């Protein structure tokens, strides 16, 4: 991994870790970078929380926070946030699509259950649905941006530490954020 890519991945993964922690929807167990030119945040999601629409929005924000961190620090994002079906963008889009089609959170026809068997094809076929899903994604991105801009100094401090060490424990992230278990 080049020094530039390592730094960018450090920023990206730190964005996720901060969001999961400060939005209080999961407990970061570790952050790693450099394994097969990627990074990873291991999170134990808080299953005791009520899975409300607010919880869903905070989850989407945490999923998009890596991309947002890149935008804040570099003014651009890497293609790695998107691409495959396991990418951050695919995960966040799937959550937003579920909110609109199968979880009962849609403003328009909230009781109409539309199974995910057609998946992302629905977004191509239904422009209004795509607009509603996109609005949810933009709101989640905005939440992540406000959070990370408010804690930009911590974003940089943690990303620098991660870049140097290649791995950080969740306890260390919480300590640096001033949150003890």
N, C-alpha and C. Protein backbone atom coordinates (compact mmCIF):
# COMPACT_ATOMS: atom_id res chain seq x y z
N UNK A 1 0.85 -1.17 0.00
CA UNK A 1 0.00 0.00 0.00
C UNK A 1 0.90 1.23 0.00
N UNK A 2 0.66 2.14 -0.93
CA UNK A 2 1.46 3.37 -0.97
C UNK A 2 1.17 4.21 0.27
N UNK A 3 2.07 5.13 0.57
CA UNK A 3 1.87 6.01 1.72
C UNK A 3 0.59 6.83 1.57
N UNK A 4 0.32 7.32 0.36
CA UNK A 4 -0.88 8.11 0.11
C UNK A 4 -2.14 7.28 0.34
N UNK A 5 -2.17 6.08 -0.21
CA UNK A 5 -3.34 5.22 -0.04
C UNK A 5 -3.52 4.83 1.42
N UNK A 6 -2.43 4.52 2.10
CA UNK A 6 -2.51 4.17 3.52
C UNK A 6 -3.12 5.31 4.33
N UNK A 7 -2.70 6.54 4.05
CA UNK A 7 -3.24 7.70 4.75
C UNK A 7 -4.73 7.88 4.46
N UNK A 8 -5.11 7.74 3.21
CA UNK A 8 -6.52 7.88 2.83
C UNK A 8 -7.38 6.80 3.49
N UNK A 9 -6.91 5.59 3.52
CA UNK A 9 -7.65 4.50 4.16
C UNK A 9 -7.75 4.75 5.66
N UNK A 10 -6.69 5.28 6.25
CA UNK A 10 -6.72 5.61 7.68
C UNK A 10 -7.81 6.63 7.98
N UNK A 11 -7.90 7.65 7.16
CA UNK A 11 -8.93 8.68 7.33
C UNK A 11 -10.32 8.08 7.16
N UNK A 12 -10.48 7.28 6.12
CA UNK A 12 -11.77 6.65 5.83
C UNK A 12 -12.25 5.79 7.00
N UNK A 13 -11.40 4.90 7.46
CA UNK A 13 -11.79 3.98 8.53
C UNK A 13 -12.00 4.72 9.85
N UNK A 14 -11.23 5.76 10.09
CA UNK A 14 -11.43 6.56 11.29
C UNK A 14 -12.79 7.24 11.26
N UNK A 15 -13.20 7.71 10.10
CA UNK A 15 -14.54 8.31 9.98
C UNK A 15 -15.63 7.34 10.41
N UNK A 16 -15.53 6.10 9.95
CA UNK A 16 -16.50 5.08 10.37
C UNK A 16 -16.46 4.89 11.89
N UNK A 17 -15.27 4.72 12.43
CA UNK A 17 -15.12 4.43 13.86
C UNK A 17 -15.70 5.54 14.73
N UNK A 18 -15.44 6.78 14.36
CA UNK A 18 -15.97 7.90 15.12
C UNK A 18 -17.49 7.91 15.05
N UNK A 19 -18.04 7.71 13.88
CA UNK A 19 -19.50 7.75 13.73
C UNK A 19 -20.17 6.63 14.52
N UNK A 20 -19.68 5.40 14.39
CA UNK A 20 -20.27 4.30 15.14
C UNK A 20 -20.25 4.61 16.64
N UNK A 21 -19.15 5.19 17.09
CA UNK A 21 -18.99 5.45 18.52
C UNK A 21 -19.86 6.62 18.98
N UNK A 22 -19.75 7.76 18.33
CA UNK A 22 -20.46 8.95 18.80
C UNK A 22 -21.96 8.91 18.53
N UNK A 23 -22.37 8.17 17.52
CA UNK A 23 -23.81 8.01 17.27
C UNK A 23 -24.41 6.94 18.17
N UNK A 24 -23.54 6.27 18.92
CA UNK A 24 -23.94 5.29 19.95
C UNK A 24 -24.82 4.16 19.41
N UNK A 25 -24.43 3.65 18.26
CA UNK A 25 -25.18 2.54 17.66
C UNK A 25 -24.34 1.27 17.56
N UNK A 26 -23.10 1.37 17.92
CA UNK A 26 -22.23 0.21 17.91
C UNK A 26 -20.97 0.47 18.71
N UNK A 27 -20.35 -0.60 19.15
CA UNK A 27 -19.10 -0.49 19.88
C UNK A 27 -17.97 -0.96 19.00
N UNK A 28 -17.07 -0.05 18.69
CA UNK A 28 -15.91 -0.38 17.86
C UNK A 28 -15.02 -1.32 18.65
N UNK A 29 -14.70 -2.46 18.05
CA UNK A 29 -13.77 -3.40 18.68
C UNK A 29 -12.35 -3.16 18.20
N UNK A 30 -12.21 -2.84 16.89
CA UNK A 30 -10.87 -2.55 16.35
C UNK A 30 -10.98 -1.85 15.00
N UNK A 31 -9.89 -1.19 14.63
CA UNK A 31 -9.73 -0.61 13.29
C UNK A 31 -8.41 -1.15 12.77
N UNK A 32 -8.42 -1.63 11.54
CA UNK A 32 -7.18 -2.10 10.92
C UNK A 32 -7.08 -1.52 9.51
N UNK A 33 -5.85 -1.34 9.07
CA UNK A 33 -5.59 -0.92 7.70
C UNK A 33 -4.46 -1.77 7.14
N UNK A 34 -4.39 -1.81 5.81
CA UNK A 34 -3.27 -2.45 5.16
C UNK A 34 -3.44 -3.91 4.82
N UNK A 35 -4.54 -4.51 5.21
CA UNK A 35 -4.77 -5.91 4.87
C UNK A 35 -5.37 -5.95 3.46
N UNK A 36 -4.63 -6.45 2.51
CA UNK A 36 -5.04 -6.52 1.11
C UNK A 36 -5.44 -5.14 0.58
N UNK A 37 -4.69 -4.11 0.94
CA UNK A 37 -4.89 -2.73 0.49
C UNK A 37 -6.23 -2.14 0.89
N UNK A 38 -6.82 -2.63 1.94
CA UNK A 38 -8.06 -2.04 2.43
C UNK A 38 -7.98 -1.88 3.93
N UNK A 39 -9.02 -1.33 4.50
CA UNK A 39 -9.13 -1.21 5.94
C UNK A 39 -10.44 -1.79 6.41
N UNK A 40 -10.57 -1.87 7.72
CA UNK A 40 -11.79 -2.46 8.26
C UNK A 40 -12.01 -1.95 9.68
N UNK A 41 -13.26 -1.65 9.98
CA UNK A 41 -13.66 -1.35 11.35
C UNK A 41 -14.54 -2.51 11.80
N UNK A 42 -14.15 -3.17 12.86
CA UNK A 42 -14.96 -4.24 13.43
C UNK A 42 -15.83 -3.63 14.51
N UNK A 43 -17.15 -3.81 14.32
CA UNK A 43 -18.12 -3.17 15.21
C UNK A 43 -19.07 -4.21 15.77
N UNK A 44 -19.30 -4.12 17.05
CA UNK A 44 -20.34 -4.91 17.70
C UNK A 44 -21.56 -3.99 17.78
N UNK A 45 -22.53 -4.25 16.92
CA UNK A 45 -23.71 -3.38 16.88
C UNK A 45 -24.53 -3.54 18.15
N UNK A 46 -25.07 -2.44 18.62
CA UNK A 46 -25.90 -2.46 19.82
C UNK A 46 -27.27 -3.03 19.47
N UNK A 47 -27.50 -4.27 19.82
CA UNK A 47 -28.76 -4.93 19.48
C UNK A 47 -29.87 -4.60 20.47
N UNK A 48 -29.52 -3.96 21.57
CA UNK A 48 -30.54 -3.59 22.56
C UNK A 48 -31.30 -2.33 22.18
N UNK A 49 -30.85 -1.62 21.16
CA UNK A 49 -31.50 -0.37 20.76
C UNK A 49 -32.77 -0.66 19.96
N UNK A 50 -33.76 0.19 20.14
CA UNK A 50 -34.98 0.09 19.34
C UNK A 50 -34.64 0.46 17.90
N UNK A 51 -35.04 -0.37 16.98
CA UNK A 51 -34.71 -0.15 15.57
C UNK A 51 -35.75 0.77 14.93
N UNK A 52 -35.65 2.04 15.32
CA UNK A 52 -36.54 3.08 14.83
C UNK A 52 -36.01 3.69 13.55
N UNK A 53 -36.76 4.62 13.02
CA UNK A 53 -36.28 5.33 11.82
C UNK A 53 -35.04 6.16 12.14
N UNK A 54 -34.97 6.72 13.34
CA UNK A 54 -33.78 7.47 13.76
C UNK A 54 -32.57 6.55 13.83
N UNK A 55 -32.75 5.37 14.41
CA UNK A 55 -31.67 4.38 14.48
C UNK A 55 -31.18 4.03 13.08
N UNK A 56 -32.12 3.88 12.16
CA UNK A 56 -31.78 3.55 10.77
C UNK A 56 -30.96 4.67 10.14
N UNK A 57 -31.36 5.92 10.38
CA UNK A 57 -30.63 7.07 9.83
C UNK A 57 -29.22 7.14 10.40
N UNK A 58 -29.07 6.88 11.70
CA UNK A 58 -27.74 6.91 12.32
C UNK A 58 -26.86 5.78 11.78
N UNK A 59 -27.48 4.62 11.53
CA UNK A 59 -26.72 3.50 10.95
C UNK A 59 -26.22 3.86 9.55
N UNK A 60 -27.10 4.45 8.73
CA UNK A 60 -26.67 4.88 7.39
C UNK A 60 -25.55 5.91 7.49
N UNK A 61 -25.65 6.82 8.44
CA UNK A 61 -24.61 7.84 8.61
C UNK A 61 -23.27 7.19 8.94
N UNK A 62 -23.29 6.19 9.82
CA UNK A 62 -22.04 5.50 10.17
C UNK A 62 -21.45 4.78 8.97
N UNK A 63 -22.31 4.19 8.15
CA UNK A 63 -21.85 3.48 6.95
C UNK A 63 -21.25 4.46 5.94
N UNK A 64 -21.80 5.66 5.85
CA UNK A 64 -21.31 6.66 4.90
C UNK A 64 -20.17 7.52 5.46
N UNK A 65 -19.88 7.40 6.75
CA UNK A 65 -18.93 8.29 7.40
C UNK A 65 -17.49 8.17 6.87
N UNK A 66 -17.10 7.03 6.37
CA UNK A 66 -15.76 6.90 5.80
C UNK A 66 -15.60 7.78 4.57
N UNK A 67 -16.60 7.73 3.73
CA UNK A 67 -16.62 8.56 2.51
C UNK A 67 -16.63 10.05 2.88
N UNK A 68 -17.45 10.40 3.88
CA UNK A 68 -17.53 11.79 4.32
C UNK A 68 -16.20 12.25 4.89
N UNK A 69 -15.52 11.41 5.66
CA UNK A 69 -14.21 11.77 6.20
C UNK A 69 -13.23 12.09 5.07
N UNK A 70 -13.28 11.29 4.02
CA UNK A 70 -12.41 11.56 2.86
C UNK A 70 -12.73 12.91 2.25
N UNK A 71 -14.02 13.22 2.11
CA UNK A 71 -14.41 14.52 1.53
C UNK A 71 -13.91 15.67 2.39
N UNK A 72 -14.01 15.54 3.71
CA UNK A 72 -13.58 16.59 4.61
C UNK A 72 -12.07 16.80 4.52
N UNK A 73 -11.31 15.73 4.55
CA UNK A 73 -9.85 15.84 4.60
C UNK A 73 -9.23 16.08 3.23
N UNK A 74 -9.73 15.40 2.21
CA UNK A 74 -9.09 15.45 0.89
C UNK A 74 -9.88 16.23 -0.16
N UNK A 75 -11.13 16.51 0.11
CA UNK A 75 -11.97 17.20 -0.87
C UNK A 75 -12.44 16.31 -1.99
N UNK A 76 -12.20 15.01 -1.87
CA UNK A 76 -12.62 14.02 -2.86
C UNK A 76 -12.67 12.65 -2.21
N UNK A 77 -13.27 11.70 -2.90
CA UNK A 77 -13.36 10.35 -2.34
C UNK A 77 -12.72 9.35 -3.29
N UNK A 78 -12.31 8.24 -2.71
CA UNK A 78 -11.80 7.12 -3.51
C UNK A 78 -12.96 6.29 -4.02
N UNK A 79 -12.74 5.56 -5.07
CA UNK A 79 -13.78 4.69 -5.63
C UNK A 79 -14.12 3.54 -4.68
N UNK A 80 -13.28 3.28 -3.70
CA UNK A 80 -13.49 2.15 -2.80
C UNK A 80 -14.75 2.21 -1.96
N UNK A 81 -15.35 3.41 -1.83
CA UNK A 81 -16.61 3.51 -1.08
C UNK A 81 -17.75 2.86 -1.83
N UNK A 82 -17.59 2.75 -3.13
CA UNK A 82 -18.64 2.16 -3.97
C UNK A 82 -18.12 0.93 -4.66
N UNK A 83 -18.84 0.52 -5.68
CA UNK A 83 -18.39 -0.63 -6.45
C UNK A 83 -19.19 -1.87 -6.18
N UNK A 84 -18.67 -2.73 -5.34
CA UNK A 84 -19.29 -4.03 -5.12
C UNK A 84 -20.52 -3.97 -4.23
N UNK A 85 -21.19 -5.10 -4.16
CA UNK A 85 -22.41 -5.19 -3.36
C UNK A 85 -22.13 -5.14 -1.87
N UNK A 86 -20.87 -5.27 -1.47
CA UNK A 86 -20.50 -5.17 -0.07
C UNK A 86 -19.90 -3.80 0.26
N UNK A 87 -19.98 -2.88 -0.70
CA UNK A 87 -19.39 -1.55 -0.50
C UNK A 87 -20.24 -0.70 0.43
N UNK A 88 -19.65 0.36 0.93
CA UNK A 88 -20.37 1.29 1.81
C UNK A 88 -21.60 1.86 1.12
N UNK A 89 -21.46 2.26 -0.14
CA UNK A 89 -22.61 2.84 -0.85
C UNK A 89 -23.71 1.81 -1.05
N UNK A 90 -23.35 0.59 -1.36
CA UNK A 90 -24.37 -0.45 -1.53
C UNK A 90 -25.08 -0.74 -0.21
N UNK A 91 -24.34 -0.81 0.88
CA UNK A 91 -24.96 -1.06 2.19
C UNK A 91 -25.91 0.05 2.57
N UNK A 92 -25.47 1.29 2.44
CA UNK A 92 -26.31 2.43 2.81
C UNK A 92 -27.54 2.51 1.91
N UNK A 93 -27.36 2.26 0.62
CA UNK A 93 -28.49 2.28 -0.31
C UNK A 93 -29.48 1.19 0.04
N UNK A 94 -28.99 0.02 0.39
CA UNK A 94 -29.87 -1.08 0.78
C UNK A 94 -30.69 -0.74 2.02
N UNK A 95 -30.08 -0.06 2.98
CA UNK A 95 -30.79 0.34 4.18
C UNK A 95 -31.89 1.35 3.83
N UNK A 96 -31.54 2.35 3.03
CA UNK A 96 -32.51 3.37 2.63
C UNK A 96 -33.63 2.77 1.79
N UNK A 97 -33.29 1.84 0.92
CA UNK A 97 -34.30 1.17 0.10
C UNK A 97 -35.25 0.37 0.99
N UNK A 98 -34.71 -0.32 1.97
CA UNK A 98 -35.55 -1.05 2.90
C UNK A 98 -36.51 -0.15 3.65
N UNK A 99 -36.03 1.03 4.05
CA UNK A 99 -36.89 1.98 4.76
C UNK A 99 -38.09 2.38 3.91
N UNK A 100 -37.87 2.48 2.62
CA UNK A 100 -38.92 2.91 1.71
C UNK A 100 -39.80 1.78 1.20
N UNK A 101 -39.34 0.53 1.28
CA UNK A 101 -40.08 -0.55 0.64
C UNK A 101 -40.57 -1.66 1.56
N UNK A 102 -39.87 -1.91 2.65
CA UNK A 102 -40.24 -3.09 3.43
C UNK A 102 -40.26 -2.89 4.94
N UNK A 103 -39.79 -1.76 5.43
CA UNK A 103 -39.71 -1.56 6.87
C UNK A 103 -40.83 -0.69 7.44
N UNK A 104 -41.67 -0.14 6.57
CA UNK A 104 -42.80 0.67 7.04
C UNK A 104 -42.45 2.10 7.39
N UNK A 105 -41.31 2.62 6.92
CA UNK A 105 -40.91 3.99 7.24
C UNK A 105 -41.18 4.98 6.11
N UNK A 106 -41.73 4.53 5.00
CA UNK A 106 -41.98 5.43 3.88
C UNK A 106 -43.12 6.39 4.22
N UNK A 107 -43.00 7.63 3.76
CA UNK A 107 -44.12 8.56 3.90
C UNK A 107 -45.21 8.22 2.91
N UNK A 108 -44.82 7.77 1.76
CA UNK A 108 -45.79 7.40 0.71
C UNK A 108 -46.00 5.89 0.76
N UNK A 109 -47.19 5.46 0.99
CA UNK A 109 -47.57 4.05 1.05
C UNK A 109 -46.72 3.26 2.06
N UNK A 110 -46.72 3.70 3.32
CA UNK A 110 -45.86 3.04 4.31
C UNK A 110 -46.26 1.60 4.62
N UNK A 111 -47.51 1.24 4.40
CA UNK A 111 -47.95 -0.11 4.73
C UNK A 111 -47.80 -1.08 3.57
N UNK A 112 -47.43 -0.56 2.42
CA UNK A 112 -47.25 -1.42 1.25
C UNK A 112 -45.87 -2.08 1.34
N UNK A 113 -45.87 -3.38 1.52
CA UNK A 113 -44.62 -4.13 1.60
C UNK A 113 -44.19 -4.52 0.19
N UNK A 114 -43.00 -4.12 -0.15
CA UNK A 114 -42.43 -4.48 -1.45
C UNK A 114 -41.18 -5.29 -1.19
N UNK A 115 -41.20 -6.57 -1.48
CA UNK A 115 -40.04 -7.42 -1.16
C UNK A 115 -38.79 -7.00 -1.92
N UNK A 116 -37.67 -7.30 -1.31
CA UNK A 116 -36.38 -6.91 -1.88
C UNK A 116 -35.91 -7.87 -2.97
N UNK A 117 -36.77 -8.77 -3.41
CA UNK A 117 -36.33 -9.73 -4.43
C UNK A 117 -35.89 -9.03 -5.71
N UNK A 118 -36.48 -7.89 -6.00
CA UNK A 118 -36.06 -7.12 -7.18
C UNK A 118 -34.90 -6.19 -6.83
N UNK A 119 -34.66 -6.01 -5.56
CA UNK A 119 -33.52 -5.24 -5.07
C UNK A 119 -33.33 -3.90 -5.72
N UNK A 120 -32.11 -3.64 -6.14
CA UNK A 120 -31.75 -2.34 -6.68
C UNK A 120 -32.39 -2.08 -8.04
N UNK A 121 -32.94 -3.10 -8.67
CA UNK A 121 -33.67 -2.89 -9.93
C UNK A 121 -34.82 -1.92 -9.72
N UNK A 122 -35.42 -1.94 -8.53
CA UNK A 122 -36.53 -1.03 -8.23
C UNK A 122 -36.11 0.42 -8.42
N UNK A 123 -34.88 0.73 -8.09
CA UNK A 123 -34.41 2.11 -8.18
C UNK A 123 -34.30 2.57 -9.63
N UNK A 124 -34.01 1.65 -10.51
CA UNK A 124 -33.94 1.98 -11.93
C UNK A 124 -35.34 2.15 -12.51
N UNK A 125 -36.27 1.34 -12.05
CA UNK A 125 -37.61 1.31 -12.62
C UNK A 125 -38.55 2.35 -12.02
N UNK A 126 -38.28 2.79 -10.81
CA UNK A 126 -39.18 3.72 -10.12
C UNK A 126 -38.42 4.97 -9.73
N UNK A 127 -38.53 6.01 -10.55
CA UNK A 127 -37.78 7.25 -10.35
C UNK A 127 -38.14 7.92 -9.02
N UNK A 128 -39.42 7.90 -8.66
CA UNK A 128 -39.84 8.52 -7.40
C UNK A 128 -39.24 7.78 -6.20
N UNK A 129 -39.22 6.48 -6.27
CA UNK A 129 -38.60 5.69 -5.21
C UNK A 129 -37.12 6.02 -5.13
N UNK A 130 -36.46 6.09 -6.26
CA UNK A 130 -35.03 6.42 -6.29
C UNK A 130 -34.79 7.78 -5.66
N UNK A 131 -35.67 8.74 -5.92
CA UNK A 131 -35.51 10.08 -5.33
C UNK A 131 -35.67 10.04 -3.81
N UNK A 132 -36.61 9.24 -3.31
CA UNK A 132 -36.81 9.14 -1.86
C UNK A 132 -35.63 8.43 -1.20
N UNK A 133 -35.13 7.38 -1.82
CA UNK A 133 -33.96 6.67 -1.30
C UNK A 133 -32.76 7.62 -1.28
N UNK A 134 -32.57 8.35 -2.35
CA UNK A 134 -31.46 9.29 -2.43
C UNK A 134 -31.58 10.38 -1.36
N UNK A 135 -32.80 10.85 -1.10
CA UNK A 135 -33.00 11.86 -0.06
C UNK A 135 -32.58 11.33 1.30
N UNK A 136 -32.88 10.06 1.58
CA UNK A 136 -32.46 9.45 2.83
C UNK A 136 -30.93 9.38 2.90
N UNK A 137 -30.30 9.02 1.80
CA UNK A 137 -28.85 8.93 1.76
C UNK A 137 -28.21 10.30 1.97
N UNK A 138 -28.77 11.32 1.35
CA UNK A 138 -28.24 12.67 1.52
C UNK A 138 -28.39 13.15 2.96
N UNK A 139 -29.52 12.83 3.59
CA UNK A 139 -29.72 13.21 5.00
C UNK A 139 -28.71 12.49 5.90
N UNK A 140 -28.47 11.22 5.63
CA UNK A 140 -27.49 10.46 6.42
C UNK A 140 -26.08 11.01 6.20
N UNK A 141 -25.76 11.34 4.98
CA UNK A 141 -24.46 11.92 4.68
C UNK A 141 -24.30 13.25 5.41
N UNK A 142 -25.36 14.05 5.44
CA UNK A 142 -25.31 15.33 6.15
C UNK A 142 -25.09 15.13 7.65
N UNK A 143 -25.76 14.13 8.22
CA UNK A 143 -25.56 13.82 9.64
C UNK A 143 -24.10 13.44 9.90
N UNK A 144 -23.55 12.58 9.06
CA UNK A 144 -22.14 12.18 9.21
C UNK A 144 -21.22 13.38 9.05
N UNK A 145 -21.52 14.25 8.10
CA UNK A 145 -20.67 15.43 7.86
C UNK A 145 -20.68 16.36 9.08
N UNK A 146 -21.86 16.65 9.62
CA UNK A 146 -21.93 17.52 10.79
C UNK A 146 -21.16 16.93 11.97
N UNK A 147 -21.30 15.64 12.18
CA UNK A 147 -20.60 14.96 13.27
C UNK A 147 -19.09 15.03 13.10
N UNK A 148 -18.62 14.70 11.90
CA UNK A 148 -17.17 14.65 11.67
C UNK A 148 -16.55 16.04 11.60
N UNK A 149 -17.28 17.01 11.09
CA UNK A 149 -16.75 18.38 11.09
C UNK A 149 -16.63 18.90 12.52
N UNK A 150 -17.59 18.55 13.37
CA UNK A 150 -17.54 18.96 14.77
C UNK A 150 -16.36 18.32 15.49
N UNK A 151 -15.97 17.14 15.06
CA UNK A 151 -14.87 16.40 15.71
C UNK A 151 -13.68 16.22 14.76
N UNK A 152 -13.45 17.20 13.92
CA UNK A 152 -12.39 17.08 12.91
C UNK A 152 -11.01 16.93 13.54
N UNK A 153 -10.75 17.61 14.64
CA UNK A 153 -9.44 17.47 15.29
C UNK A 153 -9.23 16.03 15.76
N UNK A 154 -10.26 15.41 16.31
CA UNK A 154 -10.17 14.01 16.75
C UNK A 154 -10.04 13.08 15.55
N UNK A 155 -10.74 13.40 14.47
CA UNK A 155 -10.63 12.62 13.23
C UNK A 155 -9.16 12.57 12.80
N UNK A 156 -8.51 13.72 12.79
CA UNK A 156 -7.12 13.78 12.37
C UNK A 156 -6.20 13.06 13.36
N UNK A 157 -6.43 13.26 14.64
CA UNK A 157 -5.59 12.64 15.67
C UNK A 157 -5.67 11.11 15.59
N UNK A 158 -6.88 10.58 15.49
CA UNK A 158 -7.04 9.13 15.43
C UNK A 158 -6.50 8.58 14.12
N UNK A 159 -6.76 9.27 13.01
CA UNK A 159 -6.28 8.80 11.71
C UNK A 159 -4.75 8.78 11.67
N UNK A 160 -4.11 9.77 12.26
CA UNK A 160 -2.64 9.78 12.32
C UNK A 160 -2.14 8.57 13.11
N UNK A 161 -2.75 8.31 14.24
CA UNK A 161 -2.35 7.16 15.05
C UNK A 161 -2.57 5.85 14.33
N UNK A 162 -3.70 5.73 13.64
CA UNK A 162 -3.99 4.52 12.88
C UNK A 162 -3.01 4.35 11.72
N UNK A 163 -2.70 5.43 11.05
CA UNK A 163 -1.75 5.39 9.93
C UNK A 163 -0.39 4.89 10.40
N UNK A 164 0.02 5.32 11.58
CA UNK A 164 1.32 4.92 12.12
C UNK A 164 1.33 3.47 12.60
N UNK A 165 0.27 3.05 13.26
CA UNK A 165 0.26 1.73 13.89
C UNK A 165 -0.34 0.63 13.03
N UNK A 166 -1.28 0.98 12.16
CA UNK A 166 -1.95 -0.01 11.32
C UNK A 166 -3.12 -0.69 12.00
N UNK A 167 -3.22 -0.57 13.32
CA UNK A 167 -4.32 -1.18 14.05
C UNK A 167 -4.55 -0.39 15.34
N UNK A 168 -5.82 -0.23 15.70
CA UNK A 168 -6.18 0.41 16.97
C UNK A 168 -7.32 -0.36 17.59
N UNK A 169 -7.31 -0.43 18.89
CA UNK A 169 -8.43 -1.06 19.59
C UNK A 169 -9.58 -0.07 19.74
N UNK A 170 -10.75 -0.60 19.94
CA UNK A 170 -11.89 0.26 20.21
C UNK A 170 -11.72 1.06 21.48
N UNK A 171 -11.08 0.44 22.47
CA UNK A 171 -10.81 1.15 23.73
C UNK A 171 -9.95 2.37 23.49
N UNK A 172 -8.96 2.23 22.61
CA UNK A 172 -8.09 3.37 22.30
C UNK A 172 -8.86 4.46 21.58
N UNK A 173 -9.73 4.08 20.65
CA UNK A 173 -10.56 5.07 19.95
C UNK A 173 -11.44 5.81 20.95
N UNK A 174 -12.11 5.07 21.84
CA UNK A 174 -12.97 5.71 22.84
C UNK A 174 -12.17 6.63 23.76
N UNK A 175 -10.97 6.19 24.14
CA UNK A 175 -10.12 7.03 25.00
C UNK A 175 -9.78 8.33 24.30
N UNK A 176 -9.40 8.25 23.03
CA UNK A 176 -9.04 9.45 22.27
C UNK A 176 -10.25 10.37 22.04
N UNK A 177 -11.44 9.78 22.03
CA UNK A 177 -12.67 10.58 21.89
C UNK A 177 -13.17 11.09 23.24
N UNK A 178 -12.48 10.71 24.31
CA UNK A 178 -12.87 11.14 25.64
C UNK A 178 -14.06 10.38 26.19
N UNK A 179 -14.24 9.17 25.69
CA UNK A 179 -15.35 8.32 26.14
C UNK A 179 -14.79 7.04 26.74
N UNK A 180 -15.02 6.85 27.98
CA UNK A 180 -14.56 5.61 28.60
C UNK A 180 -15.73 4.65 28.69
N UNK A 181 -15.46 3.38 28.69
CA UNK A 181 -16.50 2.35 28.80
C UNK A 181 -17.23 2.46 30.09
